[in-house]
């Protein structure tokens, strides 16, 4: 089973920026719509951003629109999430997966935003 590997997150102050990356092994990556998800303590996992396999279509949940940018590099099986204007409510464990959750969930990466 393929398991995405997310890069290390971190601790940032409110208003700060952070870039997350994820590598997915195998040939399926380049033909799948991919997404970033996050799960805050006590809450369900939510989809934050999606990018189509062609990169032509992107979706963002309302709470991150204008602050987060999703991108991908199909040649290197890499998915990225550039986060700026971070808020304490963005604190969560972030995961990448296909939009349809085809892969096993990875370890995720902790992002903590201090107020």
Protein backbone atom coordinates (compact mmCIF):
# COMPACT_ATOMS: atom_id res chain seq x y z
CA UNK A 1 0.00 0.00 0.00
CA UNK A 2 1.28 3.43 -0.93
CA UNK A 3 1.64 5.84 1.94
CA UNK A 4 2.36 9.53 1.30
CA UNK A 5 5.25 11.05 3.21
CA UNK A 6 4.69 14.59 4.42
CA UNK A 7 7.52 16.97 5.19
CA UNK A 8 8.13 18.32 8.65
CA UNK A 9 5.73 21.05 9.73
CA UNK A 10 6.59 23.47 12.47
CA UNK A 11 5.72 26.15 14.94
CA UNK A 12 5.05 29.61 13.54
CA UNK A 13 3.63 32.83 14.87
CA UNK A 14 0.33 34.27 13.77
CA UNK A 15 0.75 35.85 10.36
CA UNK A 16 3.70 33.65 9.50
CA UNK A 17 4.25 31.37 6.54
CA UNK A 18 5.10 27.73 6.05
CA UNK A 19 5.47 25.43 3.05
CA UNK A 20 4.47 21.78 3.32
CA UNK A 21 5.48 19.13 0.84
CA UNK A 22 4.47 15.54 0.29
CA UNK A 23 5.98 12.76 -1.79
CA UNK A 24 3.89 9.88 -3.09
CA UNK A 25 5.71 6.92 -4.60
CA UNK A 26 4.42 5.11 -7.64
CA UNK A 27 3.01 6.00 -11.03
CA UNK A 28 -0.56 6.71 -9.88
CA UNK A 29 0.25 10.14 -8.49
CA UNK A 30 0.42 11.99 -11.81
CA UNK A 31 -3.05 10.83 -12.88
CA UNK A 32 -4.88 11.54 -9.63
CA UNK A 33 -6.47 14.68 -8.25
CA UNK A 34 -4.63 15.33 -5.00
CA UNK A 35 -5.54 17.11 -1.80
CA UNK A 36 -4.33 18.38 1.52
CA UNK A 37 -6.37 17.54 4.59
CA UNK A 38 -6.02 18.59 8.20
CA UNK A 39 -7.27 17.43 11.55
CA UNK A 40 -7.37 19.60 14.64
CA UNK A 41 -7.72 18.10 18.12
CA UNK A 42 -11.26 16.95 18.77
CA UNK A 43 -12.39 17.65 15.23
CA UNK A 44 -12.90 15.54 12.15
CA UNK A 45 -10.40 15.51 9.33
CA UNK A 46 -11.29 18.15 6.76
CA UNK A 47 -10.20 18.74 3.19
CA UNK A 48 -8.29 22.00 2.89
CA UNK A 49 -7.28 22.19 -0.75
CA UNK A 50 -7.49 20.11 -3.92
CA UNK A 51 -5.62 20.24 -7.22
CA UNK A 52 -6.54 18.33 -10.33
CA UNK A 53 -4.00 16.07 -12.00
CA UNK A 54 -3.73 18.57 -14.85
CA UNK A 55 -3.28 21.44 -12.33
CA UNK A 56 -6.06 23.33 -14.13
CA UNK A 57 -8.56 23.04 -11.28
CA UNK A 58 -7.95 24.05 -7.69
CA UNK A 59 -10.33 24.09 -4.74
CA UNK A 60 -9.89 25.69 -1.33
CA UNK A 61 -12.09 25.50 1.70
CA UNK A 62 -13.43 28.95 2.60
CA UNK A 63 -11.32 29.35 5.71
CA UNK A 64 -8.03 29.24 3.76
CA UNK A 65 -8.95 30.99 0.52
CA UNK A 66 -6.50 33.74 -0.32
CA UNK A 67 -3.96 32.43 2.20
CA UNK A 68 -3.06 28.91 1.04
CA UNK A 69 -1.84 27.79 -2.37
CA UNK A 70 -1.74 24.18 -3.50
CA UNK A 71 0.61 23.06 -6.26
CA UNK A 72 2.16 19.89 -7.60
CA UNK A 73 5.14 18.58 -9.55
CA UNK A 74 4.07 15.45 -11.39
CA UNK A 75 7.59 14.72 -12.62
CA UNK A 76 8.72 14.30 -9.02
CA UNK A 77 5.51 12.95 -7.47
CA UNK A 78 5.40 15.95 -5.17
CA UNK A 79 2.50 17.91 -3.72
CA UNK A 80 2.92 21.27 -2.01
CA UNK A 81 0.92 23.57 0.23
CA UNK A 82 2.17 27.12 0.65
CA UNK A 83 0.54 28.63 3.71
CA UNK A 84 0.69 32.31 4.57
CA UNK A 85 -1.19 34.60 6.92
CA UNK A 86 -1.37 31.68 9.35
CA UNK A 87 -3.87 31.85 12.19
CA UNK A 88 -4.11 29.88 15.44
CA UNK A 89 -7.14 28.08 14.01
CA UNK A 90 -4.88 26.61 11.31
CA UNK A 91 -3.19 24.54 14.02
CA UNK A 92 -3.67 20.90 13.07
CA UNK A 93 -1.99 17.79 11.72
CA UNK A 94 -1.81 18.10 7.95
CA UNK A 95 -2.02 15.14 5.58
CA UNK A 96 -1.85 14.67 1.86
CA UNK A 97 -3.79 12.07 -0.08
CA UNK A 98 -5.67 11.76 -3.32
CA UNK A 99 -8.98 13.60 -3.38
CA UNK A 100 -10.72 10.24 -3.13
CA UNK A 101 -8.38 9.05 -0.36
CA UNK A 102 -6.93 6.23 -2.46
CA UNK A 103 -3.74 5.97 -0.44
CA UNK A 104 -3.12 4.90 3.12
CA UNK A 105 -2.93 7.84 5.45
CA UNK A 106 0.63 8.88 6.26
CA UNK A 107 1.92 10.13 9.57
CA UNK A 108 0.90 13.65 8.82
CA UNK A 109 2.80 16.71 9.92
CA UNK A 110 2.05 18.99 12.85
CA UNK A 111 1.55 22.67 12.18
CA UNK A 112 1.18 24.86 15.24
CA UNK A 113 0.38 28.56 15.02
CA UNK A 114 0.98 30.55 18.17
CA UNK A 115 -1.06 33.63 19.00
